[in-house]
Amino acid sequence: MFKKIINGFIDQPLLTSLFVTDFLILLFHKPPFLFSLAMLGALIAMCMYFGQKLALFKV
């Protein structure tokens, strides 16, 4: 399962870097409220995309 996740992240380097950057900014900084809402929406959209793309629990 971890190998599938790592391979999925390696296959999409731009989205992975955006995902990690967005997550770390929201985790360690306090951006303005509206900007943080937009970043949270983008983070949720990327999570849903990666979840659909990886399909971890599909047999």
PDB file of N, CA and C in Angstrom:
ATOM      1  N   MET A   1       0.825  -1.183   0.000  1.00  0.00           N
ATOM      2  CA  MET A   1       0.000   0.000   0.000  1.00  0.00           C
ATOM      3  C   MET A   1       0.876   1.256   0.000  1.00  0.00           C
ATOM      4  N   PHE A   2       1.940   1.258   0.825  1.00  0.00           N
ATOM      5  CA  PHE A   2       2.813   2.434   0.864  1.00  0.00           C
ATOM      6  C   PHE A   2       3.552   2.618  -0.453  1.00  0.00           C
ATOM      7  N   LYS A   3       3.914   1.503  -1.081  1.00  0.00           N
ATOM      8  CA  LYS A   3       4.596   1.596  -2.375  1.00  0.00           C
ATOM      9  C   LYS A   3       3.679   2.222  -3.428  1.00  0.00           C
ATOM     10  N   LYS A   4       2.388   1.890  -3.369  1.00  0.00           N
ATOM     11  CA  LYS A   4       1.431   2.457  -4.313  1.00  0.00           C
ATOM     12  C   LYS A   4       1.269   3.962  -4.075  1.00  0.00           C
ATOM     13  N   ILE A   5       1.266   4.388  -2.817  1.00  0.00           N
ATOM     14  CA  ILE A   5       1.163   5.811  -2.492  1.00  0.00           C
ATOM     15  C   ILE A   5       2.394   6.565  -2.983  1.00  0.00           C
ATOM     16  N   ILE A   6       3.576   6.024  -2.689  1.00  0.00           N
ATOM     17  CA  ILE A   6       4.826   6.675  -3.113  1.00  0.00           C
ATOM     18  C   ILE A   6       4.895   6.753  -4.635  1.00  0.00           C
ATOM     19  N   ASN A   7       4.536   5.682  -5.319  1.00  0.00           N
ATOM     20  CA  ASN A   7       4.545   5.713  -6.788  1.00  0.00           C
ATOM     21  C   ASN A   7       3.542   6.714  -7.338  1.00  0.00           C
ATOM     22  N   GLY A   8       2.392   6.856  -6.680  1.00  0.00           N
ATOM     23  CA  GLY A   8       1.403   7.843  -7.113  1.00  0.00           C
ATOM     24  C   GLY A   8       1.913   9.262  -6.944  1.00  0.00           C
ATOM     25  N   PHE A   9       2.632   9.503  -5.845  1.00  0.00           N
ATOM     26  CA  PHE A   9       3.207  10.834  -5.633  1.00  0.00           C
ATOM     27  C   PHE A   9       4.345  11.116  -6.613  1.00  0.00           C
ATOM     28  N   ILE A  10       5.136  10.100  -6.940  1.00  0.00           N
ATOM     29  CA  ILE A  10       6.243  10.285  -7.883  1.00  0.00           C
ATOM     30  C   ILE A  10       5.709  10.536  -9.290  1.00  0.00           C
ATOM     31  N   ASP A  11       4.591   9.911  -9.635  1.00  0.00           N
ATOM     32  CA  ASP A  11       4.008  10.093 -10.971  1.00  0.00           C
ATOM     33  C   ASP A  11       3.453  11.494 -11.182  1.00  0.00           C
ATOM     34  N   GLN A  12       3.076  12.174 -10.113  1.00  0.00           N
ATOM     35  CA  GLN A  12       2.496  13.521 -10.193  1.00  0.00           C
ATOM     36  C   GLN A  12       3.362  14.514  -9.401  1.00  0.00           C
ATOM     37  N   PRO A  13       4.558  14.881  -9.885  1.00  0.00           N
ATOM     38  CA  PRO A  13       5.454  15.712  -9.068  1.00  0.00           C
ATOM     39  C   PRO A  13       4.930  17.129  -8.818  1.00  0.00           C
ATOM     40  N   LEU A  14       4.245  17.726  -9.767  1.00  0.00           N
ATOM     41  CA  LEU A  14       3.741  19.080  -9.568  1.00  0.00           C
ATOM     42  C   LEU A  14       2.646  19.101  -8.504  1.00  0.00           C
ATOM     43  N   LEU A  15       1.694  18.196  -8.603  1.00  0.00           N
ATOM     44  CA  LEU A  15       0.624  18.139  -7.616  1.00  0.00           C
ATOM     45  C   LEU A  15       1.146  17.753  -6.235  1.00  0.00           C
ATOM     46  N   THR A  16       2.149  16.878  -6.198  1.00  0.00           N
ATOM     47  CA  THR A  16       2.729  16.486  -4.912  1.00  0.00           C
ATOM     48  C   THR A  16       3.410  17.662  -4.244  1.00  0.00           C
ATOM     49  N   SER A  17       4.169  18.446  -5.001  1.00  0.00           N
ATOM     50  CA  SER A  17       4.843  19.602  -4.409  1.00  0.00           C
ATOM     51  C   SER A  17       3.833  20.656  -3.961  1.00  0.00           C
ATOM     52  N   LEU A  18       2.765  20.860  -4.745  1.00  0.00           N
ATOM     53  CA  LEU A  18       1.709  21.787  -4.321  1.00  0.00           C
ATOM     54  C   LEU A  18       1.001  21.293  -3.062  1.00  0.00           C
ATOM     55  N   PHE A  19       0.747  19.993  -2.993  1.00  0.00           N
ATOM     56  CA  PHE A  19       0.087  19.403  -1.844  1.00  0.00           C
ATOM     57  C   PHE A  19       0.933  19.568  -0.578  1.00  0.00           C
ATOM     58  N   VAL A  20       2.209  19.241  -0.665  1.00  0.00           N
ATOM     59  CA  VAL A  20       3.098  19.343   0.503  1.00  0.00           C
ATOM     60  C   VAL A  20       3.269  20.799   0.923  1.00  0.00           C
ATOM     61  N   THR A  21       3.463  21.695  -0.034  1.00  0.00           N
ATOM     62  CA  THR A  21       3.624  23.111   0.277  1.00  0.00           C
ATOM     63  C   THR A  21       2.369  23.679   0.922  1.00  0.00           C
ATOM     64  N   ASP A  22       1.218  23.376   0.361  1.00  0.00           N
ATOM     65  CA  ASP A  22      -0.057  23.847   0.904  1.00  0.00           C
ATOM     66  C   ASP A  22      -0.267  23.327   2.319  1.00  0.00           C
ATOM     67  N   PHE A  23      -0.005  22.049   2.532  1.00  0.00           N
ATOM     68  CA  PHE A  23      -0.184  21.450   3.849  1.00  0.00           C
ATOM     69  C   PHE A  23       0.747  22.081   4.877  1.00  0.00           C
ATOM     70  N   LEU A  24       2.006  22.284   4.519  1.00  0.00           N
ATOM     71  CA  LEU A  24       2.963  22.850   5.472  1.00  0.00           C
ATOM     72  C   LEU A  24       2.672  24.318   5.787  1.00  0.00           C
ATOM     73  N   ILE A  25       2.221  25.079   4.797  1.00  0.00           N
ATOM     74  CA  ILE A  25       1.851  26.473   5.059  1.00  0.00           C
ATOM     75  C   ILE A  25       0.662  26.541   5.999  1.00  0.00           C
ATOM     76  N   LEU A  26      -0.345  25.703   5.772  1.00  0.00           N
ATOM     77  CA  LEU A  26      -1.502  25.710   6.660  1.00  0.00           C
ATOM     78  C   LEU A  26      -1.151  25.185   8.048  1.00  0.00           C
ATOM     79  N   LEU A  27      -0.166  24.293   8.138  1.00  0.00           N
ATOM     80  CA  LEU A  27       0.197  23.701   9.419  1.00  0.00           C
ATOM     81  C   LEU A  27       1.057  24.628  10.266  1.00  0.00           C
ATOM     82  N   PHE A  28       2.017  25.317   9.653  1.00  0.00           N
ATOM     83  CA  PHE A  28       3.004  26.073  10.425  1.00  0.00           C
ATOM     84  C   PHE A  28       2.851  27.587  10.366  1.00  0.00           C
ATOM     85  N   HIS A  29       2.032  28.115   9.483  1.00  0.00           N
ATOM     86  CA  HIS A  29       1.843  29.568   9.385  1.00  0.00           C
ATOM     87  C   HIS A  29       0.384  29.908   9.627  1.00  0.00           C
ATOM     88  N   LYS A  30       0.122  31.156   9.829  1.00  0.00           N
ATOM     89  CA  LYS A  30      -1.256  31.610   9.996  1.00  0.00           C
ATOM     90  C   LYS A  30      -1.568  32.607   8.885  1.00  0.00           C
ATOM     91  N   PRO A  31      -2.007  32.083   7.716  1.00  0.00           N
ATOM     92  CA  PRO A  31      -2.361  32.997   6.625  1.00  0.00           C
ATOM     93  C   PRO A  31      -3.682  33.704   6.932  1.00  0.00           C
ATOM     94  N   PRO A  32      -3.987  34.766   6.209  1.00  0.00           N
ATOM     95  CA  PRO A  32      -5.284  35.440   6.388  1.00  0.00           C
ATOM     96  C   PRO A  32      -6.443  34.466   6.175  1.00  0.00           C
ATOM     97  N   PHE A  33      -7.586  34.795   6.765  1.00  0.00           N
ATOM     98  CA  PHE A  33      -8.708  33.858   6.831  1.00  0.00           C
ATOM     99  C   PHE A  33      -9.192  33.426   5.453  1.00  0.00           C
ATOM    100  N   LEU A  34      -9.451  34.368   4.559  1.00  0.00           N
ATOM    101  CA  LEU A  34      -9.979  34.007   3.238  1.00  0.00           C
ATOM    102  C   LEU A  34      -8.957  33.206   2.426  1.00  0.00           C
ATOM    103  N   PHE A  35      -7.684  33.584   2.553  1.00  0.00           N
ATOM    104  CA  PHE A  35      -6.628  32.856   1.854  1.00  0.00           C
ATOM    105  C   PHE A  35      -6.509  31.432   2.404  1.00  0.00           C
ATOM    106  N   SER A  36      -6.650  31.279   3.716  1.00  0.00           N
ATOM    107  CA  SER A  36      -6.564  29.941   4.293  1.00  0.00           C
ATOM    108  C   SER A  36      -7.758  29.087   3.885  1.00  0.00           C
ATOM    109  N   LEU A  37      -8.939  29.694   3.719  1.00  0.00           N
ATOM    110  CA  LEU A  37     -10.090  28.936   3.217  1.00  0.00           C
ATOM    111  C   LEU A  37      -9.856  28.449   1.791  1.00  0.00           C
ATOM    112  N   ALA A  38      -9.286  29.305   0.963  1.00  0.00           N
ATOM    113  CA  ALA A  38      -8.980  28.910  -0.412  1.00  0.00           C
ATOM    114  C   ALA A  38      -7.928  27.797  -0.434  1.00  0.00           C
ATOM    115  N   MET A  39      -6.931  27.918   0.422  1.00  0.00           N
ATOM    116  CA  MET A  39      -5.893  26.889   0.491  1.00  0.00           C
ATOM    117  C   MET A  39      -6.457  25.578   1.021  1.00  0.00           C
ATOM    118  N   LEU A  40      -7.357  25.647   1.983  1.00  0.00           N
ATOM    119  CA  LEU A  40      -7.980  24.439   2.513  1.00  0.00           C
ATOM    120  C   LEU A  40      -8.844  23.763   1.445  1.00  0.00           C
ATOM    121  N   GLY A  41      -9.556  24.563   0.659  1.00  0.00           N
ATOM    122  CA  GLY A  41     -10.331  24.010  -0.448  1.00  0.00           C
ATOM    123  C   GLY A  41      -9.446  23.326  -1.481  1.00  0.00           C
ATOM    124  N   ALA A  42      -8.310  23.942  -1.784  1.00  0.00           N
ATOM    125  CA  ALA A  42      -7.372  23.337  -2.730  1.00  0.00           C
ATOM    126  C   ALA A  42      -6.786  22.049  -2.163  1.00  0.00           C
ATOM    127  N   LEU A  43      -6.510  22.041  -0.862  1.00  0.00           N
ATOM    128  CA  LEU A  43      -5.971  20.846  -0.223  1.00  0.00           C
ATOM    129  C   LEU A  43      -6.983  19.703  -0.262  1.00  0.00           C
ATOM    130  N   ILE A  44      -8.240  20.007  -0.010  1.00  0.00           N
ATOM    131  CA  ILE A  44      -9.291  18.985  -0.064  1.00  0.00           C
ATOM    132  C   ILE A  44      -9.454  18.466  -1.492  1.00  0.00           C
ATOM    133  N   ALA A  45      -9.395  19.361  -2.467  1.00  0.00           N
ATOM    134  CA  ALA A  45      -9.518  18.933  -3.863  1.00  0.00           C
ATOM    135  C   ALA A  45      -8.357  18.021  -4.267  1.00  0.00           C
ATOM    136  N   MET A  46      -7.138  18.351  -3.829  1.00  0.00           N
ATOM    137  CA  MET A  46      -5.997  17.502  -4.148  1.00  0.00           C
ATOM    138  C   MET A  46      -6.095  16.156  -3.447  1.00  0.00           C
ATOM    139  N   CYS A  47      -6.606  16.144  -2.207  1.00  0.00           N
ATOM    140  CA  CYS A  47      -6.801  14.877  -1.493  1.00  0.00           C
ATOM    141  C   CYS A  47      -7.804  14.000  -2.224  1.00  0.00           C
ATOM    142  N   MET A  48      -8.891  14.603  -2.697  1.00  0.00           N
ATOM    143  CA  MET A  48      -9.895  13.826  -3.422  1.00  0.00           C
ATOM    144  C   MET A  48      -9.331  13.318  -4.748  1.00  0.00           C
ATOM    145  N   TYR A  49      -8.514  14.125  -5.422  1.00  0.00           N
ATOM    146  CA  TYR A  49      -7.902  13.699  -6.681  1.00  0.00           C
ATOM    147  C   TYR A  49      -6.957  12.522  -6.448  1.00  0.00           C
ATOM    148  N   PHE A  50      -6.084  12.658  -5.435  1.00  0.00           N
ATOM    149  CA  PHE A  50      -5.155  11.572  -5.157  1.00  0.00           C
ATOM    150  C   PHE A  50      -5.895  10.320  -4.700  1.00  0.00           C
ATOM    151  N   GLY A  51      -6.949  10.465  -3.929  1.00  0.00           N
ATOM    152  CA  GLY A  51      -7.730   9.316  -3.509  1.00  0.00           C
ATOM    153  C   GLY A  51      -8.373   8.603  -4.682  1.00  0.00           C
ATOM    154  N   GLN A  52      -8.868   9.357  -5.641  1.00  0.00           N
ATOM    155  CA  GLN A  52      -9.473   8.764  -6.835  1.00  0.00           C
ATOM    156  C   GLN A  52      -8.407   8.123  -7.720  1.00  0.00           C
ATOM    157  N   LYS A  53      -7.262   8.773  -7.822  1.00  0.00           N
ATOM    158  CA  LYS A  53      -6.206   8.290  -8.697  1.00  0.00           C
ATOM    159  C   LYS A  53      -5.550   7.021  -8.143  1.00  0.00           C
ATOM    160  N   LEU A  54      -5.346   6.975  -6.807  1.00  0.00           N
ATOM    161  CA  LEU A  54      -4.647   5.827  -6.232  1.00  0.00           C
ATOM    162  C   LEU A  54      -5.571   4.622  -6.042  1.00  0.00           C
ATOM    163  N   ALA A  55      -6.821   4.861  -5.655  1.00  0.00           N
ATOM    164  CA  ALA A  55      -7.802   3.790  -5.427  1.00  0.00           C
ATOM    165  C   ALA A  55      -7.192   2.681  -4.588  1.00  0.00           C
ATOM    166  N   LEU A  56      -6.799   2.995  -3.357  1.00  0.00           N
ATOM    167  CA  LEU A  56      -6.055   2.077  -2.509  1.00  0.00           C
ATOM    168  C   LEU A  56      -6.833   0.831  -2.135  1.00  0.00           C
ATOM    169  N   PHE A  57      -8.126   0.971  -1.901  1.00  0.00           N
ATOM    170  CA  PHE A  57      -8.884  -0.159  -1.404  1.00  0.00           C
ATOM    171  C   PHE A  57      -9.680  -0.875  -2.485  1.00  0.00           C
ATOM    172  N   LYS A  58      -9.354  -0.583  -3.726  1.00  0.00           N
ATOM    173  CA  LYS A  58     -10.003  -1.266  -4.837  1.00  0.00           C
ATOM    174  C   LYS A  58      -9.304  -2.611  -5.060  1.00  0.00           C
ATOM    175  N   VAL A  59     -10.085  -3.659  -5.193  1.00  0.00           N
ATOM    176  CA  VAL A  59      -9.509  -5.001  -5.313  1.00  0.00           C
ATOM    177  C   VAL A  59      -9.238  -5.349  -6.739  1.00  0.00           C
TER     178      VAL A  59
END
